[in-house]
mmCIF file of all heavy atoms, coordinates in Angstrom:
data_MODEL
# 
_entry.id   MODEL 
# 
loop_
_atom_site.group_PDB 
_atom_site.id 
_atom_site.type_symbol 
_atom_site.label_atom_id 
_atom_site.label_alt_id 
_atom_site.label_comp_id 
_atom_site.label_asym_id 
_atom_site.label_entity_id 
_atom_site.label_seq_id 
_atom_site.pdbx_PDB_ins_code 
_atom_site.Cartn_x 
_atom_site.Cartn_y 
_atom_site.Cartn_z 
_atom_site.occupancy 
_atom_site.B_iso_or_equiv 
_atom_site.pdbx_formal_charge 
_atom_site.auth_seq_id 
_atom_site.auth_comp_id 
_atom_site.auth_asym_id 
_atom_site.auth_atom_id 
_atom_site.pdbx_PDB_model_num 
ATOM 1   N N   . GLY A 1 1  ? 5.124  -11.338 0.512  1.00 0.00 ? 1  GLY A N   1 
ATOM 2   C CA  . GLY A 1 1  ? 4.569  -10.186 -0.169 1.00 0.00 ? 1  GLY A CA  1 
ATOM 3   C C   . GLY A 1 1  ? 3.062  -10.066 -0.023 1.00 0.00 ? 1  GLY A C   1 
ATOM 4   O O   . GLY A 1 1  ? 2.510  -8.972  -0.213 1.00 0.00 ? 1  GLY A O   1 
ATOM 5   N N   . THR A 1 2  ? 2.385  -11.150 0.339  1.00 0.00 ? 2  THR A N   1 
ATOM 6   C CA  . THR A 1 2  ? 0.927  -11.100 0.492  1.00 0.00 ? 2  THR A CA  1 
ATOM 7   C C   . THR A 1 2  ? 0.525  -10.139 1.597  1.00 0.00 ? 2  THR A C   1 
ATOM 8   O O   . THR A 1 2  ? -0.345 -9.273  1.411  1.00 0.00 ? 2  THR A O   1 
ATOM 9   C CB  . THR A 1 2  ? 0.372  -12.506 0.771  1.00 0.00 ? 2  THR A CB  1 
ATOM 10  O OG1 . THR A 1 2  ? 0.727  -13.390 -0.302 1.00 0.00 ? 2  THR A OG1 1 
ATOM 11  C CG2 . THR A 1 2  ? -1.140 -12.470 0.904  1.00 0.00 ? 2  THR A CG2 1 
ATOM 12  N N   . ALA A 1 3  ? 1.157  -10.272 2.767  1.00 0.00 ? 3  ALA A N   1 
ATOM 13  C CA  . ALA A 1 3  ? 0.859  -9.356  3.874  1.00 0.00 ? 3  ALA A CA  1 
ATOM 14  C C   . ALA A 1 3  ? 1.324  -7.945  3.556  1.00 0.00 ? 3  ALA A C   1 
ATOM 15  O O   . ALA A 1 3  ? 0.660  -6.961  3.902  1.00 0.00 ? 3  ALA A O   1 
ATOM 16  C CB  . ALA A 1 3  ? 1.526  -9.865  5.156  1.00 0.00 ? 3  ALA A CB  1 
ATOM 17  N N   . ALA A 1 4  ? 2.460  -7.841  2.895  1.00 0.00 ? 4  ALA A N   1 
ATOM 18  C CA  . ALA A 1 4  ? 2.969  -6.526  2.508  1.00 0.00 ? 4  ALA A CA  1 
ATOM 19  C C   . ALA A 1 4  ? 2.011  -5.845  1.527  1.00 0.00 ? 4  ALA A C   1 
ATOM 20  O O   . ALA A 1 4  ? 1.737  -4.639  1.629  1.00 0.00 ? 4  ALA A O   1 
ATOM 21  C CB  . ALA A 1 4  ? 4.357  -6.667  1.892  1.00 0.00 ? 4  ALA A CB  1 
ATOM 22  N N   . ASN A 1 5  ? 1.492  -6.611  0.577  1.00 0.00 ? 5  ASN A N   1 
ATOM 23  C CA  . ASN A 1 5  ? 0.539  -6.058  -0.384 1.00 0.00 ? 5  ASN A CA  1 
ATOM 24  C C   . ASN A 1 5  ? -0.722 -5.544  0.303  1.00 0.00 ? 5  ASN A C   1 
ATOM 25  O O   . ASN A 1 5  ? -1.294 -4.525  -0.098 1.00 0.00 ? 5  ASN A O   1 
ATOM 26  C CB  . ASN A 1 5  ? 0.139  -7.121  -1.407 1.00 0.00 ? 5  ASN A CB  1 
ATOM 27  C CG  . ASN A 1 5  ? 1.177  -7.335  -2.483 1.00 0.00 ? 5  ASN A CG  1 
ATOM 28  O OD1 . ASN A 1 5  ? 2.238  -6.735  -2.463 1.00 0.00 ? 5  ASN A OD1 1 
ATOM 29  N ND2 . ASN A 1 5  ? 0.877  -8.214  -3.419 1.00 0.00 ? 5  ASN A ND2 1 
ATOM 30  N N   . GLN A 1 6  ? -1.165 -6.272  1.323  1.00 0.00 ? 6  GLN A N   1 
ATOM 31  C CA  . GLN A 1 6  ? -2.373 -5.853  2.028  1.00 0.00 ? 6  GLN A CA  1 
ATOM 32  C C   . GLN A 1 6  ? -2.186 -4.485  2.663  1.00 0.00 ? 6  GLN A C   1 
ATOM 33  O O   . GLN A 1 6  ? -3.073 -3.620  2.611  1.00 0.00 ? 6  GLN A O   1 
ATOM 34  C CB  . GLN A 1 6  ? -2.745 -6.886  3.108  1.00 0.00 ? 6  GLN A CB  1 
ATOM 35  C CG  . GLN A 1 6  ? -4.051 -6.613  3.817  1.00 0.00 ? 6  GLN A CG  1 
ATOM 36  C CD  . GLN A 1 6  ? -5.247 -6.639  2.871  1.00 0.00 ? 6  GLN A CD  1 
ATOM 37  O OE1 . GLN A 1 6  ? -5.293 -7.422  1.919  1.00 0.00 ? 6  GLN A OE1 1 
ATOM 38  N NE2 . GLN A 1 6  ? -6.225 -5.766  3.121  1.00 0.00 ? 6  GLN A NE2 1 
ATOM 39  N N   . ALA A 1 7  ? -1.003 -4.273  3.248  1.00 0.00 ? 7  ALA A N   1 
ATOM 40  C CA  . ALA A 1 7  ? -0.717 -2.966  3.837  1.00 0.00 ? 7  ALA A CA  1 
ATOM 41  C C   . ALA A 1 7  ? -0.631 -1.887  2.770  1.00 0.00 ? 7  ALA A C   1 
ATOM 42  O O   . ALA A 1 7  ? -1.141 -0.770  2.939  1.00 0.00 ? 7  ALA A O   1 
ATOM 43  C CB  . ALA A 1 7  ? 0.588  -3.028  4.635  1.00 0.00 ? 7  ALA A CB  1 
ATOM 44  N N   . ALA A 1 8  ? 0.017  -2.213  1.649  1.00 0.00 ? 8  ALA A N   1 
ATOM 45  C CA  . ALA A 1 8  ? 0.105  -1.245  0.550  1.00 0.00 ? 8  ALA A CA  1 
ATOM 46  C C   . ALA A 1 8  ? -1.281 -0.918  0.008  1.00 0.00 ? 8  ALA A C   1 
ATOM 47  O O   . ALA A 1 8  ? -1.568 0.242   -0.326 1.00 0.00 ? 8  ALA A O   1 
ATOM 48  C CB  . ALA A 1 8  ? 0.999  -1.798  -0.558 1.00 0.00 ? 8  ALA A CB  1 
ATOM 49  N N   . TRP A 1 9  ? -2.139 -1.923  -0.080 1.00 0.00 ? 9  TRP A N   1 
ATOM 50  C CA  . TRP A 1 9  ? -3.469 -1.712  -0.630 1.00 0.00 ? 9  TRP A CA  1 
ATOM 51  C C   . TRP A 1 9  ? -4.310 -0.794  0.258  1.00 0.00 ? 9  TRP A C   1 
ATOM 52  O O   . TRP A 1 9  ? -5.171 -0.053  -0.245 1.00 0.00 ? 9  TRP A O   1 
ATOM 53  C CB  . TRP A 1 9  ? -4.184 -3.051  -0.816 1.00 0.00 ? 9  TRP A CB  1 
ATOM 54  C CG  . TRP A 1 9  ? -5.496 -2.890  -1.507 1.00 0.00 ? 9  TRP A CG  1 
ATOM 55  C CD1 . TRP A 1 9  ? -6.749 -2.929  -0.956 1.00 0.00 ? 9  TRP A CD1 1 
ATOM 56  C CD2 . TRP A 1 9  ? -5.695 -2.616  -2.897 1.00 0.00 ? 9  TRP A CD2 1 
ATOM 57  N NE1 . TRP A 1 9  ? -7.699 -2.705  -1.911 1.00 0.00 ? 9  TRP A NE1 1 
ATOM 58  C CE2 . TRP A 1 9  ? -7.074 -2.513  -3.125 1.00 0.00 ? 9  TRP A CE2 1 
ATOM 59  C CE3 . TRP A 1 9  ? -4.814 -2.465  -3.975 1.00 0.00 ? 9  TRP A CE3 1 
ATOM 60  C CZ2 . TRP A 1 9  ? -7.615 -2.257  -4.372 1.00 0.00 ? 9  TRP A CZ2 1 
ATOM 61  C CZ3 . TRP A 1 9  ? -5.350 -2.206  -5.228 1.00 0.00 ? 9  TRP A CZ3 1 
ATOM 62  C CH2 . TRP A 1 9  ? -6.735 -2.106  -5.413 1.00 0.00 ? 9  TRP A CH2 1 
ATOM 63  N N   . SER A 1 10 ? -4.066 -0.809  1.549  1.00 0.00 ? 10 SER A N   1 
ATOM 64  C CA  . SER A 1 10 ? -4.815 0.082   2.438  1.00 0.00 ? 10 SER A CA  1 
ATOM 65  C C   . SER A 1 10 ? -4.538 1.540   2.104  1.00 0.00 ? 10 SER A C   1 
ATOM 66  O O   . SER A 1 10 ? -5.372 2.413   2.375  1.00 0.00 ? 10 SER A O   1 
ATOM 67  C CB  . SER A 1 10 ? -4.480 -0.209  3.905  1.00 0.00 ? 10 SER A CB  1 
ATOM 68  O OG  . SER A 1 10 ? -3.126 0.099   4.185  1.00 0.00 ? 10 SER A OG  1 
ATOM 69  N N   . THR A 1 11 ? -3.371 1.808   1.513  1.00 0.00 ? 11 THR A N   1 
ATOM 70  C CA  . THR A 1 11 ? -3.058 3.161   1.029  1.00 0.00 ? 11 THR A CA  1 
ATOM 71  C C   . THR A 1 11 ? -3.617 3.382   -0.366 1.00 0.00 ? 11 THR A C   1 
ATOM 72  O O   . THR A 1 11 ? -4.290 4.377   -0.639 1.00 0.00 ? 11 THR A O   1 
ATOM 73  C CB  . THR A 1 11 ? -1.539 3.389   1.018  1.00 0.00 ? 11 THR A CB  1 
ATOM 74  O OG1 . THR A 1 11 ? -1.052 3.364   2.368  1.00 0.00 ? 11 THR A OG1 1 
ATOM 75  C CG2 . THR A 1 11 ? -1.181 4.712   0.383  1.00 0.00 ? 11 THR A CG2 1 
ATOM 76  N N   . LEU A 1 12 ? -3.373 2.450   -1.272 1.00 0.00 ? 12 LEU A N   1 
ATOM 77  C CA  . LEU A 1 12 ? -3.829 2.596   -2.651 1.00 0.00 ? 12 LEU A CA  1 
ATOM 78  C C   . LEU A 1 12 ? -5.349 2.647   -2.753 1.00 0.00 ? 12 LEU A C   1 
ATOM 79  O O   . LEU A 1 12 ? -5.902 3.429   -3.529 1.00 0.00 ? 12 LEU A O   1 
ATOM 80  C CB  . LEU A 1 12 ? -3.308 1.437   -3.501 1.00 0.00 ? 12 LEU A CB  1 
ATOM 81  C CG  . LEU A 1 12 ? -1.806 1.364   -3.731 1.00 0.00 ? 12 LEU A CG  1 
ATOM 82  C CD1 . LEU A 1 12 ? -1.451 0.053   -4.434 1.00 0.00 ? 12 LEU A CD1 1 
ATOM 83  C CD2 . LEU A 1 12 ? -1.313 2.555   -4.552 1.00 0.00 ? 12 LEU A CD2 1 
ATOM 84  N N   . GLY A 1 13 ? -6.020 1.801   -1.981 1.00 0.00 ? 13 GLY A N   1 
ATOM 85  C CA  . GLY A 1 13 ? -7.473 1.733   -2.050 1.00 0.00 ? 13 GLY A CA  1 
ATOM 86  C C   . GLY A 1 13 ? -8.162 2.997   -1.589 1.00 0.00 ? 13 GLY A C   1 
ATOM 87  O O   . GLY A 1 13 ? -9.313 3.266   -1.957 1.00 0.00 ? 13 GLY A O   1 
ATOM 88  N N   . ASP A 1 14 ? -7.463 3.789   -0.779 1.00 0.00 ? 14 ASP A N   1 
ATOM 89  C CA  . ASP A 1 14 ? -8.001 5.073   -0.318 1.00 0.00 ? 14 ASP A CA  1 
ATOM 90  C C   . ASP A 1 14 ? -7.570 6.233   -1.206 1.00 0.00 ? 14 ASP A C   1 
ATOM 91  O O   . ASP A 1 14 ? -7.738 7.396   -0.832 1.00 0.00 ? 14 ASP A O   1 
ATOM 92  C CB  . ASP A 1 14 ? -7.548 5.341   1.119  1.00 0.00 ? 14 ASP A CB  1 
ATOM 93  C CG  . ASP A 1 14 ? -8.219 4.418   2.132  1.00 0.00 ? 14 ASP A CG  1 
ATOM 94  O OD1 . ASP A 1 14 ? -9.312 3.898   1.816  1.00 0.00 ? 14 ASP A OD1 1 
ATOM 95  O OD2 . ASP A 1 14 ? -7.658 4.208   3.221  1.00 0.00 ? 14 ASP A OD2 1 
ATOM 96  N N   . GLY A 1 15 ? -6.976 5.911   -2.359 1.00 0.00 ? 15 GLY A N   1 
ATOM 97  C CA  . GLY A 1 15 ? -6.542 6.959   -3.267 1.00 0.00 ? 15 GLY A CA  1 
ATOM 98  C C   . GLY A 1 15 ? -5.181 7.522   -2.958 1.00 0.00 ? 15 GLY A C   1 
ATOM 99  O O   . GLY A 1 15 ? -4.797 8.573   -3.489 1.00 0.00 ? 15 GLY A O   1 
ATOM 100 N N   . GLY A 1 16 ? -4.427 6.843   -2.112 1.00 0.00 ? 16 GLY A N   1 
ATOM 101 C CA  . GLY A 1 16 ? -3.093 7.301   -1.748 1.00 0.00 ? 16 GLY A CA  1 
ATOM 102 C C   . GLY A 1 16 ? -2.081 7.088   -2.850 1.00 0.00 ? 16 GLY A C   1 
ATOM 103 O O   . GLY A 1 16 ? -2.364 6.468   -3.876 1.00 0.00 ? 16 GLY A O   1 
ATOM 104 N N   . THR A 1 17 ? -0.877 7.582   -2.620 1.00 0.00 ? 17 THR A N   1 
ATOM 105 C CA  . THR A 1 17 ? 0.149  7.529   -3.655 1.00 0.00 ? 17 THR A CA  1 
ATOM 106 C C   . THR A 1 17 ? 0.864  6.189   -3.680 1.00 0.00 ? 17 THR A C   1 
ATOM 107 O O   . THR A 1 17 ? 0.980  5.500   -2.659 1.00 0.00 ? 17 THR A O   1 
ATOM 108 C CB  . THR A 1 17 ? 1.199  8.631   -3.448 1.00 0.00 ? 17 THR A CB  1 
ATOM 109 O OG1 . THR A 1 17 ? 1.958  8.345   -2.251 1.00 0.00 ? 17 THR A OG1 1 
ATOM 110 C CG2 . THR A 1 17 ? 0.546  9.992   -3.325 1.00 0.00 ? 17 THR A CG2 1 
ATOM 111 N N   . ALA A 1 18 ? 1.376  5.852   -4.851 1.00 0.00 ? 18 ALA A N   1 
ATOM 112 C CA  . ALA A 1 18 ? 2.153  4.621   -5.005 1.00 0.00 ? 18 ALA A CA  1 
ATOM 113 C C   . ALA A 1 18 ? 3.390  4.658   -4.116 1.00 0.00 ? 18 ALA A C   1 
ATOM 114 O O   . ALA A 1 18 ? 3.789  3.625   -3.557 1.00 0.00 ? 18 ALA A O   1 
ATOM 115 C CB  . ALA A 1 18 ? 2.549  4.442   -6.472 1.00 0.00 ? 18 ALA A CB  1 
ATOM 116 N N   . LEU A 1 19 ? 4.012  5.830   -3.970 1.00 0.00 ? 19 LEU A N   1 
ATOM 117 C CA  . LEU A 1 19 ? 5.212  5.932   -3.147 1.00 0.00 ? 19 LEU A CA  1 
ATOM 118 C C   . LEU A 1 19 ? 4.908  5.629   -1.691 1.00 0.00 ? 19 LEU A C   1 
ATOM 119 O O   . LEU A 1 19 ? 5.638  4.860   -1.032 1.00 0.00 ? 19 LEU A O   1 
ATOM 120 C CB  . LEU A 1 19 ? 5.819  7.335   -3.282 1.00 0.00 ? 19 LEU A CB  1 
ATOM 121 C CG  . LEU A 1 19 ? 7.188  7.527   -2.635 1.00 0.00 ? 19 LEU A CG  1 
ATOM 122 C CD1 . LEU A 1 19 ? 8.237  6.674   -3.327 1.00 0.00 ? 19 LEU A CD1 1 
ATOM 123 C CD2 . LEU A 1 19 ? 7.590  9.003   -2.670 1.00 0.00 ? 19 LEU A CD2 1 
ATOM 124 N N   . ASP A 1 20 ? 3.835  6.197   -1.154 1.00 0.00 ? 20 ASP A N   1 
ATOM 125 C CA  . ASP A 1 20 ? 3.453  5.882   0.222  1.00 0.00 ? 20 ASP A CA  1 
ATOM 126 C C   . ASP A 1 20 ? 3.106  4.403   0.361  1.00 0.00 ? 20 ASP A C   1 
ATOM 127 O O   . ASP A 1 20 ? 3.413  3.762   1.376  1.00 0.00 ? 20 ASP A O   1 
ATOM 128 C CB  . ASP A 1 20 ? 2.247  6.721   0.640  1.00 0.00 ? 20 ASP A CB  1 
ATOM 129 C CG  . ASP A 1 20 ? 2.587  8.184   0.887  1.00 0.00 ? 20 ASP A CG  1 
ATOM 130 O OD1 . ASP A 1 20 ? 3.781  8.493   1.080  1.00 0.00 ? 20 ASP A OD1 1 
ATOM 131 O OD2 . ASP A 1 20 ? 1.657  9.007   0.889  1.00 0.00 ? 20 ASP A OD2 1 
ATOM 132 N N   . ALA A 1 21 ? 2.466  3.856   -0.660 1.00 0.00 ? 21 ALA A N   1 
ATOM 133 C CA  . ALA A 1 21 ? 2.022  2.460   -0.596 1.00 0.00 ? 21 ALA A CA  1 
ATOM 134 C C   . ALA A 1 21 ? 3.194  1.495   -0.519 1.00 0.00 ? 21 ALA A C   1 
ATOM 135 O O   . ALA A 1 21 ? 3.195  0.563   0.293  1.00 0.00 ? 21 ALA A O   1 
ATOM 136 C CB  . ALA A 1 21 ? 1.148  2.139   -1.807 1.00 0.00 ? 21 ALA A CB  1 
ATOM 137 N N   . VAL A 1 22 ? 4.217  1.683   -1.362 1.00 0.00 ? 22 VAL A N   1 
ATOM 138 C CA  . VAL A 1 22 ? 5.322  0.722   -1.353 1.00 0.00 ? 22 VAL A CA  1 
ATOM 139 C C   . VAL A 1 22 ? 6.137  0.828   -0.066 1.00 0.00 ? 22 VAL A C   1 
ATOM 140 O O   . VAL A 1 22 ? 6.615  -0.185  0.458  1.00 0.00 ? 22 VAL A O   1 
ATOM 141 C CB  . VAL A 1 22 ? 6.227  0.868   -2.591 1.00 0.00 ? 22 VAL A CB  1 
ATOM 142 C CG1 . VAL A 1 22 ? 5.450  0.520   -3.861 1.00 0.00 ? 22 VAL A CG1 1 
ATOM 143 C CG2 . VAL A 1 22 ? 6.865  2.244   -2.698 1.00 0.00 ? 22 VAL A CG2 1 
ATOM 144 N N   . GLU A 1 23 ? 6.304  2.037   0.452  1.00 0.00 ? 23 GLU A N   1 
ATOM 145 C CA  . GLU A 1 23 ? 7.008  2.160   1.727  1.00 0.00 ? 23 GLU A CA  1 
ATOM 146 C C   . GLU A 1 23 ? 6.232  1.450   2.836  1.00 0.00 ? 23 GLU A C   1 
ATOM 147 O O   . GLU A 1 23 ? 6.797  0.661   3.602  1.00 0.00 ? 23 GLU A O   1 
ATOM 148 C CB  . GLU A 1 23 ? 7.213  3.629   2.101  1.00 0.00 ? 23 GLU A CB  1 
ATOM 149 C CG  . GLU A 1 23 ? 7.951  3.786   3.436  1.00 0.00 ? 23 GLU A CG  1 
ATOM 150 C CD  . GLU A 1 23 ? 7.988  5.203   3.954  1.00 0.00 ? 23 GLU A CD  1 
ATOM 151 O OE1 . GLU A 1 23 ? 7.299  6.087   3.389  1.00 0.00 ? 23 GLU A OE1 1 
ATOM 152 O OE2 . GLU A 1 23 ? 8.701  5.443   4.950  1.00 0.00 ? 23 GLU A OE2 1 
ATOM 153 N N   . ARG A 1 24 ? 4.951  1.731   2.911  1.00 0.00 ? 24 ARG A N   1 
ATOM 154 C CA  . ARG A 1 24 ? 4.123  1.103   3.944  1.00 0.00 ? 24 ARG A CA  1 
ATOM 155 C C   . ARG A 1 24 ? 4.097  -0.406  3.791  1.00 0.00 ? 24 ARG A C   1 
ATOM 156 O O   . ARG A 1 24 ? 4.144  -1.146  4.780  1.00 0.00 ? 24 ARG A O   1 
ATOM 157 C CB  . ARG A 1 24 ? 2.705  1.667   3.867  1.00 0.00 ? 24 ARG A CB  1 
ATOM 158 C CG  . ARG A 1 24 ? 1.772  1.176   4.947  1.00 0.00 ? 24 ARG A CG  1 
ATOM 159 C CD  . ARG A 1 24 ? 0.432  1.884   4.864  1.00 0.00 ? 24 ARG A CD  1 
ATOM 160 N NE  . ARG A 1 24 ? -0.446 1.504   5.966  1.00 0.00 ? 24 ARG A NE  1 
ATOM 161 C CZ  . ARG A 1 24 ? -1.674 2.012   6.148  1.00 0.00 ? 24 ARG A CZ  1 
ATOM 162 N NH1 . ARG A 1 24 ? -2.146 2.917   5.299  1.00 0.00 ? 24 ARG A NH1 1 
ATOM 163 N NH2 . ARG A 1 24 ? -2.412 1.608   7.165  1.00 0.00 ? 24 ARG A NH2 1 
ATOM 164 N N   . GLY A 1 25 ? 4.047  -0.877  2.558  1.00 0.00 ? 25 GLY A N   1 
ATOM 165 C CA  . GLY A 1 25 ? 3.961  -2.312  2.325  1.00 0.00 ? 25 GLY A CA  1 
ATOM 166 C C   . GLY A 1 25 ? 5.192  -3.071  2.773  1.00 0.00 ? 25 GLY A C   1 
ATOM 167 O O   . GLY A 1 25 ? 5.104  -4.037  3.534  1.00 0.00 ? 25 GLY A O   1 
# 
């Protein structure tokens, strides 16, 4: 989950949606 979280954070940190973040992660 650490690597997955990093990918999700690249969406969240830019103001993206939680839905896009979890899919990307």
